Full PDB file with SEQRES, HELIX, SHEET, SSBOND, CRYST1, ORIGX, SCALE, CONECT and MASTER records, all heavy atoms in Angstrom:
SEQRES   1 A   41  ILE ARG THR LYS SER THR MET PRO VAL LEU MET LEU THR          
SEQRES   2 A   41  ALA ARG GLY ASP ASP THR ASP ARG ILE VAL GLY LEU GLU          
SEQRES   3 A   41  LEU GLY ALA ASP ASP TYR VAL PRO LYS PRO CYS THR PRO          
SEQRES   4 A   41  ARG GLU                                                      
HELIX    1 AA1 ASP A   18  GLU A   26  1                                   9    
SHEET    1 AA1 2 LEU A  10  ALA A  14  0                                        
SHEET    2 AA1 2 ASP A  31  LYS A  35  1                                        
CRYST1    1.000    1.000    1.000  90.00  90.00  90.00 P 1           1          
ORIGX1      1.000000  0.000000  0.000000        0.00000                         
ORIGX2      0.000000  1.000000  0.000000        0.00000                         
ORIGX3      0.000000  0.000000  1.000000        0.00000                         
SCALE1      1.000000  0.000000  0.000000        0.00000                         
SCALE2      0.000000  1.000000  0.000000        0.00000                         
SCALE3      0.000000  0.000000  1.000000        0.00000                         
ATOM      1  N   ILE A   1     -30.785 170.539  22.903  1.00  0.00           N  
ATOM      2  CA  ILE A   1     -29.886 171.391  22.117  1.00  0.00           C  
ATOM      3  C   ILE A   1     -29.807 172.785  22.730  1.00  0.00           C  
ATOM      4  O   ILE A   1     -28.726 173.357  22.873  1.00  0.00           O  
ATOM      5  CB  ILE A   1     -30.358 171.469  20.654  1.00  0.00           C  
ATOM      6  CG1 ILE A   1     -30.187 170.108  19.964  1.00  0.00           C  
ATOM      7  CG2 ILE A   1     -29.591 172.545  19.884  1.00  0.00           C  
ATOM      8  CD1 ILE A   1     -30.884 170.011  18.619  1.00  0.00           C  
ATOM      9  N   ARG A   2     -30.958 173.320  23.131  1.00  0.00           N  
ATOM     10  CA  ARG A   2     -30.990 174.699  23.641  1.00  0.00           C  
ATOM     11  C   ARG A   2     -30.319 174.852  25.009  1.00  0.00           C  
ATOM     12  O   ARG A   2     -30.028 175.968  25.423  1.00  0.00           O  
ATOM     13  CB  ARG A   2     -32.431 175.208  23.699  1.00  0.00           C  
ATOM     14  CG  ARG A   2     -32.955 175.646  22.342  1.00  0.00           C  
ATOM     15  CD  ARG A   2     -32.247 176.916  21.845  1.00  0.00           C  
ATOM     16  NE  ARG A   2     -32.634 177.255  20.469  1.00  0.00           N  
ATOM     17  CZ  ARG A   2     -31.871 177.069  19.419  1.00  0.00           C  
ATOM     18  NH1 ARG A   2     -30.662 176.533  19.560  1.00  0.00           N  
ATOM     19  NH2 ARG A   2     -32.264 177.408  18.215  1.00  0.00           N  
ATOM     20  N   THR A   3     -30.058 173.760  25.712  1.00  0.00           N  
ATOM     21  CA  THR A   3     -29.332 173.886  26.975  1.00  0.00           C  
ATOM     22  C   THR A   3     -27.869 174.237  26.751  1.00  0.00           C  
ATOM     23  O   THR A   3     -27.212 174.745  27.651  1.00  0.00           O  
ATOM     24  CB  THR A   3     -29.401 172.585  27.798  1.00  0.00           C  
ATOM     25  OG1 THR A   3     -28.776 171.515  27.066  1.00  0.00           O  
ATOM     26  CG2 THR A   3     -30.844 172.210  28.120  1.00  0.00           C  
ATOM     27  N   LYS A   4     -27.365 173.970  25.525  1.00  0.00           N  
ATOM     28  CA  LYS A   4     -25.941 174.178  25.267  1.00  0.00           C  
ATOM     29  C   LYS A   4     -25.647 174.976  24.003  1.00  0.00           C  
ATOM     30  O   LYS A   4     -24.506 175.382  23.790  1.00  0.00           O  
ATOM     31  CB  LYS A   4     -25.223 172.828  25.169  1.00  0.00           C  
ATOM     32  CG  LYS A   4     -25.276 172.004  26.444  1.00  0.00           C  
ATOM     33  CD  LYS A   4     -24.528 170.694  26.279  1.00  0.00           C  
ATOM     34  CE  LYS A   4     -24.560 169.880  27.562  1.00  0.00           C  
ATOM     35  NZ  LYS A   4     -23.850 168.579  27.413  1.00  0.00           N  
ATOM     36  N   SER A   5     -26.635 175.197  23.149  1.00  0.00           N  
ATOM     37  CA  SER A   5     -26.338 175.802  21.852  1.00  0.00           C  
ATOM     38  C   SER A   5     -27.473 176.701  21.379  1.00  0.00           C  
ATOM     39  O   SER A   5     -28.650 176.434  21.644  1.00  0.00           O  
ATOM     40  CB  SER A   5     -26.104 174.703  20.810  1.00  0.00           C  
ATOM     41  OG  SER A   5     -25.962 175.243  19.506  1.00  0.00           O  
ATOM     42  N   THR A   6     -27.100 177.774  20.659  1.00  0.00           N  
ATOM     43  CA  THR A   6     -28.086 178.653  20.019  1.00  0.00           C  
ATOM     44  C   THR A   6     -28.092 178.444  18.505  1.00  0.00           C  
ATOM     45  O   THR A   6     -28.566 179.301  17.764  1.00  0.00           O  
ATOM     46  CB  THR A   6     -27.786 180.134  20.323  1.00  0.00           C  
ATOM     47  OG1 THR A   6     -26.464 180.457  19.868  1.00  0.00           O  
ATOM     48  CG2 THR A   6     -27.899 180.429  21.807  1.00  0.00           C  
ATOM     49  N   MET A   7     -27.572 177.311  18.042  1.00  0.00           N  
ATOM     50  CA  MET A   7     -27.560 177.041  16.607  1.00  0.00           C  
ATOM     51  C   MET A   7     -28.977 177.119  16.044  1.00  0.00           C  
ATOM     52  O   MET A   7     -29.955 176.803  16.735  1.00  0.00           O  
ATOM     53  CB  MET A   7     -26.972 175.653  16.323  1.00  0.00           C  
ATOM     54  CG  MET A   7     -27.882 174.494  16.712  1.00  0.00           C  
ATOM     55  SD  MET A   7     -27.200 172.861  16.326  1.00  0.00           S  
ATOM     56  CE  MET A   7     -27.119 172.938  14.537  1.00  0.00           C  
ATOM     57  N   PRO A   8     -29.133 177.552  14.789  1.00  0.00           N  
ATOM     58  CA  PRO A   8     -30.467 177.602  14.191  1.00  0.00           C  
ATOM     59  C   PRO A   8     -31.108 176.222  14.127  1.00  0.00           C  
ATOM     60  O   PRO A   8     -30.447 175.236  13.774  1.00  0.00           O  
ATOM     61  CB  PRO A   8     -30.205 178.143  12.785  1.00  0.00           C  
ATOM     62  CG  PRO A   8     -28.912 178.864  12.879  1.00  0.00           C  
ATOM     63  CD  PRO A   8     -28.102 178.102  13.886  1.00  0.00           C  
ATOM     64  N   VAL A   9     -32.379 176.154  14.486  1.00  0.00           N  
ATOM     65  CA  VAL A   9     -33.135 174.898  14.448  1.00  0.00           C  
ATOM     66  C   VAL A   9     -34.460 175.147  13.757  1.00  0.00           C  
ATOM     67  O   VAL A   9     -35.209 176.071  14.117  1.00  0.00           O  
ATOM     68  CB  VAL A   9     -33.383 174.337  15.859  1.00  0.00           C  
ATOM     69  CG1 VAL A   9     -34.267 173.085  15.782  1.00  0.00           C  
ATOM     70  CG2 VAL A   9     -32.065 174.004  16.558  1.00  0.00           C  
ATOM     71  N   LEU A  10     -34.755 174.323  12.758  1.00  0.00           N  
ATOM     72  CA  LEU A  10     -36.013 174.375  12.018  1.00  0.00           C  
ATOM     73  C   LEU A  10     -36.797 173.110  12.355  1.00  0.00           C  
ATOM     74  O   LEU A  10     -36.262 172.004  12.258  1.00  0.00           O  
ATOM     75  CB  LEU A  10     -35.730 174.449  10.515  1.00  0.00           C  
ATOM     76  CG  LEU A  10     -36.916 174.498   9.557  1.00  0.00           C  
ATOM     77  CD1 LEU A  10     -37.723 175.773   9.753  1.00  0.00           C  
ATOM     78  CD2 LEU A  10     -36.430 174.407   8.112  1.00  0.00           C  
ATOM     79  N   MET A  11     -38.053 173.265  12.768  1.00  0.00           N  
ATOM     80  CA  MET A  11     -38.868 172.114  13.144  1.00  0.00           C  
ATOM     81  C   MET A  11     -39.788 171.686  11.997  1.00  0.00           C  
ATOM     82  O   MET A  11     -40.335 172.541  11.284  1.00  0.00           O  
ATOM     83  CB  MET A  11     -39.733 172.450  14.362  1.00  0.00           C  
ATOM     84  CG  MET A  11     -38.972 172.907  15.591  1.00  0.00           C  
ATOM     85  SD  MET A  11     -37.866 171.654  16.283  1.00  0.00           S  
ATOM     86  CE  MET A  11     -39.042 170.425  16.855  1.00  0.00           C  
ATOM     87  N   LEU A  12     -39.955 170.386  11.841  1.00  0.00           N  
ATOM     88  CA  LEU A  12     -40.942 169.828  10.918  1.00  0.00           C  
ATOM     89  C   LEU A  12     -42.132 169.392  11.759  1.00  0.00           C  
ATOM     90  O   LEU A  12     -41.997 168.518  12.622  1.00  0.00           O  
ATOM     91  CB  LEU A  12     -40.362 168.634  10.152  1.00  0.00           C  
ATOM     92  CG  LEU A  12     -39.177 168.928   9.231  1.00  0.00           C  
ATOM     93  CD1 LEU A  12     -38.662 167.626   8.608  1.00  0.00           C  
ATOM     94  CD2 LEU A  12     -39.568 169.908   8.134  1.00  0.00           C  
ATOM     95  N   THR A  13     -43.288 170.014  11.559  1.00  0.00           N  
ATOM     96  CA  THR A  13     -44.454 169.734  12.392  1.00  0.00           C  
ATOM     97  C   THR A  13     -45.601 169.212  11.542  1.00  0.00           C  
ATOM     98  O   THR A  13     -45.660 169.450  10.338  1.00  0.00           O  
ATOM     99  CB  THR A  13     -44.923 171.007  13.121  1.00  0.00           C  
ATOM    100  OG1 THR A  13     -45.420 171.953  12.165  1.00  0.00           O  
ATOM    101  CG2 THR A  13     -43.786 171.652  13.896  1.00  0.00           C  
ATOM    102  N   ALA A  14     -46.526 168.491  12.194  1.00  0.00           N  
ATOM    103  CA  ALA A  14     -47.721 168.029  11.495  1.00  0.00           C  
ATOM    104  C   ALA A  14     -48.566 169.229  11.114  1.00  0.00           C  
ATOM    105  O   ALA A  14     -48.711 170.170  11.894  1.00  0.00           O  
ATOM    106  CB  ALA A  14     -48.512 167.085  12.388  1.00  0.00           C  
ATOM    107  N   ARG A  15     -49.084 169.217   9.917  1.00  0.00           N  
ATOM    108  CA  ARG A  15     -49.886 170.346   9.449  1.00  0.00           C  
ATOM    109  C   ARG A  15     -51.097 170.545  10.364  1.00  0.00           C  
ATOM    110  O   ARG A  15     -51.822 169.610  10.666  1.00  0.00           O  
ATOM    111  CB  ARG A  15     -50.358 170.098   8.011  1.00  0.00           C  
ATOM    112  CG  ARG A  15     -51.036 171.307   7.376  1.00  0.00           C  
ATOM    113  CD  ARG A  15     -51.319 171.053   5.903  1.00  0.00           C  
ATOM    114  NE  ARG A  15     -50.097 170.879   5.137  1.00  0.00           N  
ATOM    115  CZ  ARG A  15     -49.354 171.870   4.661  1.00  0.00           C  
ATOM    116  NH1 ARG A  15     -49.706 173.115   4.898  1.00  0.00           N  
ATOM    117  NH2 ARG A  15     -48.268 171.617   3.956  1.00  0.00           N  
ATOM    118  N   GLY A  16     -51.273 171.769  10.831  1.00  0.00           N  
ATOM    119  CA  GLY A  16     -52.410 172.078  11.681  1.00  0.00           C  
ATOM    120  C   GLY A  16     -52.181 171.805  13.151  1.00  0.00           C  
ATOM    121  O   GLY A  16     -53.058 172.072  13.972  1.00  0.00           O  
ATOM    122  N   ASP A  17     -50.999 171.275  13.537  1.00  0.00           N  
ATOM    123  CA  ASP A  17     -50.727 170.982  14.945  1.00  0.00           C  
ATOM    124  C   ASP A  17     -50.114 172.216  15.605  1.00  0.00           C  
ATOM    125  O   ASP A  17     -48.902 172.359  15.698  1.00  0.00           O  
ATOM    126  CB  ASP A  17     -49.781 169.783  15.062  1.00  0.00           C  
ATOM    127  CG  ASP A  17     -49.728 169.247  16.485  1.00  0.00           C  
ATOM    128  OD1 ASP A  17     -50.045 170.022  17.410  1.00  0.00           O  
ATOM    129  OD2 ASP A  17     -49.371 168.073  16.668  1.00  0.00           O  
ATOM    130  N   ASP A  18     -50.974 173.100  16.064  1.00  0.00           N  
ATOM    131  CA  ASP A  18     -50.501 174.355  16.648  1.00  0.00           C  
ATOM    132  C   ASP A  18     -49.769 174.139  17.965  1.00  0.00           C  
ATOM    133  O   ASP A  18     -48.876 174.919  18.309  1.00  0.00           O  
ATOM    134  CB  ASP A  18     -51.670 175.316  16.864  1.00  0.00           C  
ATOM    135  CG  ASP A  18     -52.234 175.842  15.561  1.00  0.00           C  
ATOM    136  OD1 ASP A  18     -51.489 175.852  14.560  1.00  0.00           O  
ATOM    137  OD2 ASP A  18     -53.416 176.229  15.522  1.00  0.00           O  
ATOM    138  N   THR A  19     -50.140 173.114  18.714  1.00  0.00           N  
ATOM    139  CA  THR A  19     -49.521 172.900  20.029  1.00  0.00           C  
ATOM    140  C   THR A  19     -48.034 172.635  19.900  1.00  0.00           C  
ATOM    141  O   THR A  19     -47.207 173.312  20.526  1.00  0.00           O  
ATOM    142  CB  THR A  19     -50.199 171.729  20.763  1.00  0.00           C  
ATOM    143  OG1 THR A  19     -51.591 172.018  20.935  1.00  0.00           O  
ATOM    144  CG2 THR A  19     -49.558 171.528  22.129  1.00  0.00           C  
ATOM    145  N   ASP A  20     -47.653 171.644  19.076  1.00  0.00           N  
ATOM    146  CA  ASP A  20     -46.231 171.336  18.881  1.00  0.00           C  
ATOM    147  C   ASP A  20     -45.492 172.528  18.299  1.00  0.00           C  
ATOM    148  O   ASP A  20     -44.347 172.811  18.651  1.00  0.00           O  
ATOM    149  CB  ASP A  20     -46.063 170.135  17.951  1.00  0.00           C  
ATOM    150  CG  ASP A  20     -46.366 168.813  18.651  1.00  0.00           C  
ATOM    151  OD1 ASP A  20     -46.340 168.791  19.903  1.00  0.00           O  
ATOM    152  OD2 ASP A  20     -46.625 167.827  17.963  1.00  0.00           O  
ATOM    153  N   ARG A  21     -46.144 173.233  17.412  1.00  0.00           N  
ATOM    154  CA  ARG A  21     -45.536 174.380  16.750  1.00  0.00           C  
ATOM    155  C   ARG A  21     -45.195 175.468  17.768  1.00  0.00           C  
ATOM    156  O   ARG A  21     -44.073 175.983  17.816  1.00  0.00           O  
ATOM    157  CB  ARG A  21     -46.513 174.915  15.713  1.00  0.00           C  
ATOM    158  CG  ARG A  21     -45.962 175.935  14.770  1.00  0.00           C  
ATOM    159  CD  ARG A  21     -46.989 176.189  13.683  1.00  0.00           C  
ATOM    160  NE  ARG A  21     -47.304 174.963  12.962  1.00  0.00           N  
ATOM    161  CZ  ARG A  21     -48.365 174.781  12.193  1.00  0.00           C  
ATOM    162  NH1 ARG A  21     -49.236 175.758  12.050  1.00  0.00           N  
ATOM    163  NH2 ARG A  21     -48.558 173.645  11.566  1.00  0.00           N  
ATOM    164  N   ILE A  22     -46.160 175.804  18.616  1.00  0.00           N  
ATOM    165  CA  ILE A  22     -45.951 176.870  19.598  1.00  0.00           C  
ATOM    166  C   ILE A  22     -44.954 176.440  20.662  1.00  0.00           C  
ATOM    167  O   ILE A  22     -44.082 177.225  21.059  1.00  0.00           O  
ATOM    168  CB  ILE A  22     -47.296 177.278  20.230  1.00  0.00           C  
ATOM    169  CG1 ILE A  22     -48.161 177.983  19.175  1.00  0.00           C  
ATOM    170  CG2 ILE A  22     -47.081 178.189  21.430  1.00  0.00           C  
ATOM    171  CD1 ILE A  22     -49.579 178.260  19.614  1.00  0.00           C  
ATOM    172  N   VAL A  23     -45.050 175.200  21.123  1.00  0.00           N  
ATOM    173  CA  VAL A  23     -44.088 174.710  22.123  1.00  0.00           C  
ATOM    174  C   VAL A  23     -42.673 174.761  21.561  1.00  0.00           C  
ATOM    175  O   VAL A  23     -41.729 175.178  22.243  1.00  0.00           O  
ATOM    176  CB  VAL A  23     -44.446 173.271  22.570  1.00  0.00           C  
ATOM    177  CG1 VAL A  23     -43.310 172.673  23.403  1.00  0.00           C  
ATOM    178  CG2 VAL A  23     -45.727 173.269  23.382  1.00  0.00           C  
ATOM    179  N   GLY A  24     -42.507 174.364  20.309  1.00  0.00           N  
ATOM    180  CA  GLY A  24     -41.191 174.405  19.678  1.00  0.00           C  
ATOM    181  C   GLY A  24     -40.637 175.817  19.614  1.00  0.00           C  
ATOM    182  O   GLY A  24     -39.471 176.053  19.940  1.00  0.00           O  
ATOM    183  N   LEU A  25     -41.479 176.767  19.226  1.00  0.00           N  
ATOM    184  CA  LEU A  25     -41.042 178.163  19.158  1.00  0.00           C  
ATOM    185  C   LEU A  25     -40.704 178.694  20.543  1.00  0.00           C  
ATOM    186  O   LEU A  25     -39.737 179.431  20.726  1.00  0.00           O  
ATOM    187  CB  LEU A  25     -42.123 179.027  18.509  1.00  0.00           C  
ATOM    188  CG  LEU A  25     -42.400 178.766  17.025  1.00  0.00           C  
ATOM    189  CD1 LEU A  25     -43.629 179.541  16.566  1.00  0.00           C  
ATOM    190  CD2 LEU A  25     -41.197 179.122  16.166  1.00  0.00           C  
ATOM    191  N   GLU A  26     -41.497 178.324  21.538  1.00  0.00           N  
ATOM    192  CA  GLU A  26     -41.238 178.782  22.905  1.00  0.00           C  
ATOM    193  C   GLU A  26     -39.925 178.225  23.444  1.00  0.00           C  
ATOM    194  O   GLU A  26     -39.260 178.870  24.263  1.00  0.00           O  
ATOM    195  CB  GLU A  26     -42.393 178.374  23.821  1.00  0.00           C  
ATOM    196  CG  GLU A  26     -43.671 179.165  23.581  1.00  0.00           C  
ATOM    197  CD  GLU A  26     -44.829 178.687  24.429  1.00  0.00           C  
ATOM    198  OE1 GLU A  26     -44.801 177.528  24.889  1.00  0.00           O  
ATOM    199  OE2 GLU A  26     -45.772 179.470  24.624  1.00  0.00           O  
ATOM    200  N   LEU A  27     -39.546 177.040  22.977  1.00  0.00           N  
ATOM    201  CA  LEU A  27     -38.288 176.435  23.427  1.00  0.00           C  
ATOM    202  C   LEU A  27     -37.085 176.948  22.647  1.00  0.00           C  
ATOM    203  O   LEU A  27     -35.951 176.597  22.957  1.00  0.00           O  
ATOM    204  CB  LEU A  27     -38.367 174.914  23.311  1.00  0.00           C  
ATOM    205  CG  LEU A  27     -39.263 174.208  24.328  1.00  0.00           C  
ATOM    206  CD1 LEU A  27     -39.355 172.722  24.016  1.00  0.00           C  
ATOM    207  CD2 LEU A  27     -38.749 174.411  25.747  1.00  0.00           C  
ATOM    208  N   GLY A  28     -37.335 177.765  21.614  1.00  0.00           N  
ATOM    209  CA  GLY A  28     -36.215 178.368  20.903  1.00  0.00           C  
ATOM    210  C   GLY A  28     -36.019 177.913  19.478  1.00  0.00           C  
ATOM    211  O   GLY A  28     -34.976 178.184  18.884  1.00  0.00           O  
ATOM    212  N   ALA A  29     -37.019 177.222  18.882  1.00  0.00           N  
ATOM    213  CA  ALA A  29     -36.913 176.904  17.459  1.00  0.00           C  
ATOM    214  C   ALA A  29     -36.953 178.208  16.665  1.00  0.00           C  
ATOM    215  O   ALA A  29     -37.645 179.156  17.032  1.00  0.00           O  
ATOM    216  CB  ALA A  29     -38.059 175.990  17.014  1.00  0.00           C  
ATOM    217  N   ASP A  30     -36.207 178.271  15.574  1.00  0.00           N  
ATOM    218  CA  ASP A  30     -36.167 179.483  14.762  1.00  0.00           C  
ATOM    219  C   ASP A  30     -37.377 179.604  13.853  1.00  0.00           C  
ATOM    220  O   ASP A  30     -37.835 180.699  13.569  1.00  0.00           O  
ATOM    221  CB  ASP A  30     -34.874 179.512  13.942  1.00  0.00           C  
ATOM    222  CG  ASP A  30     -33.669 179.720  14.832  1.00  0.00           C  
ATOM    223  OD1 ASP A  30     -33.344 180.877  15.114  1.00  0.00           O  
ATOM    224  OD2 ASP A  30     -33.068 178.724  15.274  1.00  0.00           O  
ATOM    225  N   ASP A  31     -37.883 178.477  13.401  1.00  0.00           N  
ATOM    226  CA  ASP A  31     -39.066 178.496  12.549  1.00  0.00           C  
ATOM    227  C   ASP A  31     -39.549 177.062  12.409  1.00  0.00           C  
ATOM    228  O   ASP A  31     -38.955 176.127  12.966  1.00  0.00           O  
ATOM    229  CB  ASP A  31     -38.740 179.106  11.180  1.00  0.00           C  
ATOM    230  CG  ASP A  31     -39.968 179.714  10.498  1.00  0.00           C  
ATOM    231  OD1 ASP A  31     -41.088 179.565  11.035  1.00  0.00           O  
ATOM    232  OD2 ASP A  31     -39.805 180.324   9.430  1.00  0.00           O  
ATOM    233  N   TYR A  32     -40.617 176.870  11.668  1.00  0.00           N  
ATOM    234  CA  TYR A  32     -41.167 175.539  11.452  1.00  0.00           C  
ATOM    235  C   TYR A  32     -41.640 175.422  10.017  1.00  0.00           C  
ATOM    236  O   TYR A  32     -41.913 176.416   9.341  1.00  0.00           O  
ATOM    237  CB  TYR A  32     -42.327 175.275  12.413  1.00  0.00           C  
ATOM    238  CG  TYR A  32     -43.506 176.181  12.151  1.00  0.00           C  
ATOM    239  CD1 TYR A  32     -44.496 175.828  11.236  1.00  0.00           C  
ATOM    240  CD2 TYR A  32     -43.613 177.410  12.800  1.00  0.00           C  
ATOM    241  CE1 TYR A  32     -45.550 176.673  10.970  1.00  0.00           C  
ATOM    242  CE2 TYR A  32     -44.671 178.265  12.532  1.00  0.00           C  
ATOM    243  CZ  TYR A  32     -45.638 177.884  11.634  1.00  0.00           C  
ATOM    244  OH  TYR A  32     -46.679 178.727  11.349  1.00  0.00           O  
ATOM    245  N   VAL A  33     -41.729 174.180   9.539  1.00  0.00           N  
ATOM    246  CA  VAL A  33     -42.335 173.890   8.243  1.00  0.00           C  
ATOM    247  C   VAL A  33     -43.347 172.778   8.471  1.00  0.00           C  
ATOM    248  O   VAL A  33     -42.990 171.718   9.002  1.00  0.00           O  
ATOM    249  CB  VAL A  33     -41.283 173.432   7.207  1.00  0.00           C  
ATOM    250  CG1 VAL A  33     -41.965 173.033   5.905  1.00  0.00           C  
ATOM    251  CG2 VAL A  33     -40.275 174.525   6.946  1.00  0.00           C  
ATOM    252  N   PRO A  34     -44.608 172.994   8.123  1.00  0.00           N  
ATOM    253  CA  PRO A  34     -45.604 171.930   8.312  1.00  0.00           C  
ATOM    254  C   PRO A  34     -45.422 170.810   7.292  1.00  0.00           C  
ATOM    255  O   PRO A  34     -45.122 171.065   6.124  1.00  0.00           O  
ATOM    256  CB  PRO A  34     -46.944 172.658   8.124  1.00  0.00           C  
ATOM    257  CG  PRO A  34     -46.621 173.871   7.318  1.00  0.00           C  
ATOM    258  CD  PRO A  34     -45.211 174.252   7.639  1.00  0.00           C  
ATOM    259  N   LYS A  35     -45.581 169.557   7.754  1.00  0.00           N  
ATOM    260  CA  LYS A  35     -45.519 168.405   6.858  1.00  0.00           C  
ATOM    261  C   LYS A  35     -46.932 168.048   6.420  1.00  0.00           C  
ATOM    262  O   LYS A  35     -47.875 168.221   7.189  1.00  0.00           O  
ATOM    263  CB  LYS A  35     -44.869 167.214   7.578  1.00  0.00           C  
ATOM    264  CG  LYS A  35     -43.410 167.431   7.932  1.00  0.00           C  
ATOM    265  CD  LYS A  35     -42.846 166.305   8.788  1.00  0.00           C  
ATOM    266  CE  LYS A  35     -42.698 165.020   8.006  1.00  0.00           C  
ATOM    267  NZ  LYS A  35     -42.046 163.975   8.826  1.00  0.00           N  
ATOM    268  N   PRO A  36     -47.091 167.494   5.199  1.00  0.00           N  
ATOM    269  CA  PRO A  36     -46.005 167.226   4.245  1.00  0.00           C  
ATOM    270  C   PRO A  36     -45.510 168.517   3.592  1.00  0.00           C  
ATOM    271  O   PRO A  36     -46.296 169.415   3.305  1.00  0.00           O  
ATOM    272  CB  PRO A  36     -46.673 166.320   3.210  1.00  0.00           C  
ATOM    273  CG  PRO A  36     -48.122 166.694   3.264  1.00  0.00           C  
ATOM    274  CD  PRO A  36     -48.410 167.064   4.688  1.00  0.00           C  
ATOM    275  N   CYS A  37     -44.197 168.567   3.382  1.00  0.00           N  
ATOM    276  CA  CYS A  37     -43.609 169.740   2.744  1.00  0.00           C  
ATOM    277  C   CYS A  37     -42.835 169.301   1.510  1.00  0.00           C  
ATOM    278  O   CYS A  37     -42.430 168.142   1.398  1.00  0.00           O  
ATOM    279  CB  CYS A  37     -42.673 170.478   3.713  1.00  0.00           C  
ATOM    280  SG  CYS A  37     -41.217 169.526   4.204  1.00  0.00           S  
ATOM    281  N   THR A  38     -42.632 170.207   0.601  1.00  0.00           N  
ATOM    282  CA  THR A  38     -41.851 169.893  -0.585  1.00  0.00           C  
ATOM    283  C   THR A  38     -40.375 170.171  -0.292  1.00  0.00           C  
ATOM    284  O   THR A  38     -40.046 171.040   0.530  1.00  0.00           O  
ATOM    285  CB  THR A  38     -42.293 170.750  -1.785  1.00  0.00           C  
ATOM    286  OG1 THR A  38     -41.995 172.132  -1.502  1.00  0.00           O  
ATOM    287  CG2 THR A  38     -43.782 170.590  -2.041  1.00  0.00           C  
ATOM    288  N   PRO A  39     -39.469 169.455  -0.938  1.00  0.00           N  
ATOM    289  CA  PRO A  39     -38.039 169.743  -0.761  1.00  0.00           C  
ATOM    290  C   PRO A  39     -37.699 171.186  -1.099  1.00  0.00           C  
ATOM    291  O   PRO A  39     -36.858 171.797  -0.445  1.00  0.00           O  
ATOM    292  CB  PRO A  39     -37.372 168.777  -1.740  1.00  0.00           C  
ATOM    293  CG  PRO A  39     -38.335 167.660  -1.906  1.00  0.00           C  
ATOM    294  CD  PRO A  39     -39.685 168.297  -1.821  1.00  0.00           C  
ATOM    295  N   ARG A  40     -38.367 171.758  -2.088  1.00  0.00           N  
ATOM    296  CA  ARG A  40     -38.100 173.143  -2.469  1.00  0.00           C  
ATOM    297  C   ARG A  40     -38.474 174.102  -1.339  1.00  0.00           C  
ATOM    298  O   ARG A  40     -37.756 175.058  -1.055  1.00  0.00           O  
ATOM    299  CB  ARG A  40     -38.890 173.474  -3.736  1.00  0.00           C  
ATOM    300  CG  ARG A  40     -38.627 174.875  -4.264  1.00  0.00           C  
ATOM    301  CD  ARG A  40     -39.387 175.101  -5.558  1.00  0.00           C  
ATOM    302  NE  ARG A  40     -39.141 176.436  -6.088  1.00  0.00           N  
ATOM    303  CZ  ARG A  40     -39.685 176.900  -7.217  1.00  0.00           C  
ATOM    304  NH1 ARG A  40     -40.494 176.109  -7.923  1.00  0.00           N  
ATOM    305  NH2 ARG A  40     -39.415 178.118  -7.628  1.00  0.00           N  
ATOM    306  N   GLU A  41     -39.619 173.855  -0.705  1.00  0.00           N  
ATOM    307  CA  GLU A  41     -40.052 174.717   0.392  1.00  0.00           C  
ATOM    308  C   GLU A  41     -39.082 174.633   1.557  1.00  0.00           C  
ATOM    309  O   GLU A  41     -38.703 175.652   2.146  1.00  0.00           O  
ATOM    310  CB  GLU A  41     -41.458 174.313   0.856  1.00  0.00           C  
ATOM    311  CG  GLU A  41     -41.975 175.140   2.026  1.00  0.00           C  
ATOM    312  CD  GLU A  41     -43.323 174.645   2.530  1.00  0.00           C  
ATOM    313  OE1 GLU A  41     -43.777 173.574   2.082  1.00  0.00           O  
ATOM    314  OE2 GLU A  41     -43.904 175.333   3.382  1.00  0.00           O  
TER     315      GLU A  41                                                      
MASTER        0    0    0    1    2    0    0    6  314    1    0    4          
END                                                                             
């Protein structure tokens, strides 16, 4: 996505998985929500 677009991207990551979280942010994710997450969150 980031090769062609700057659209906002929110990542769903495993709770406590800092590696995927940081890699996602470094690649241009706007933010993350750790799973399991509530629909409200």
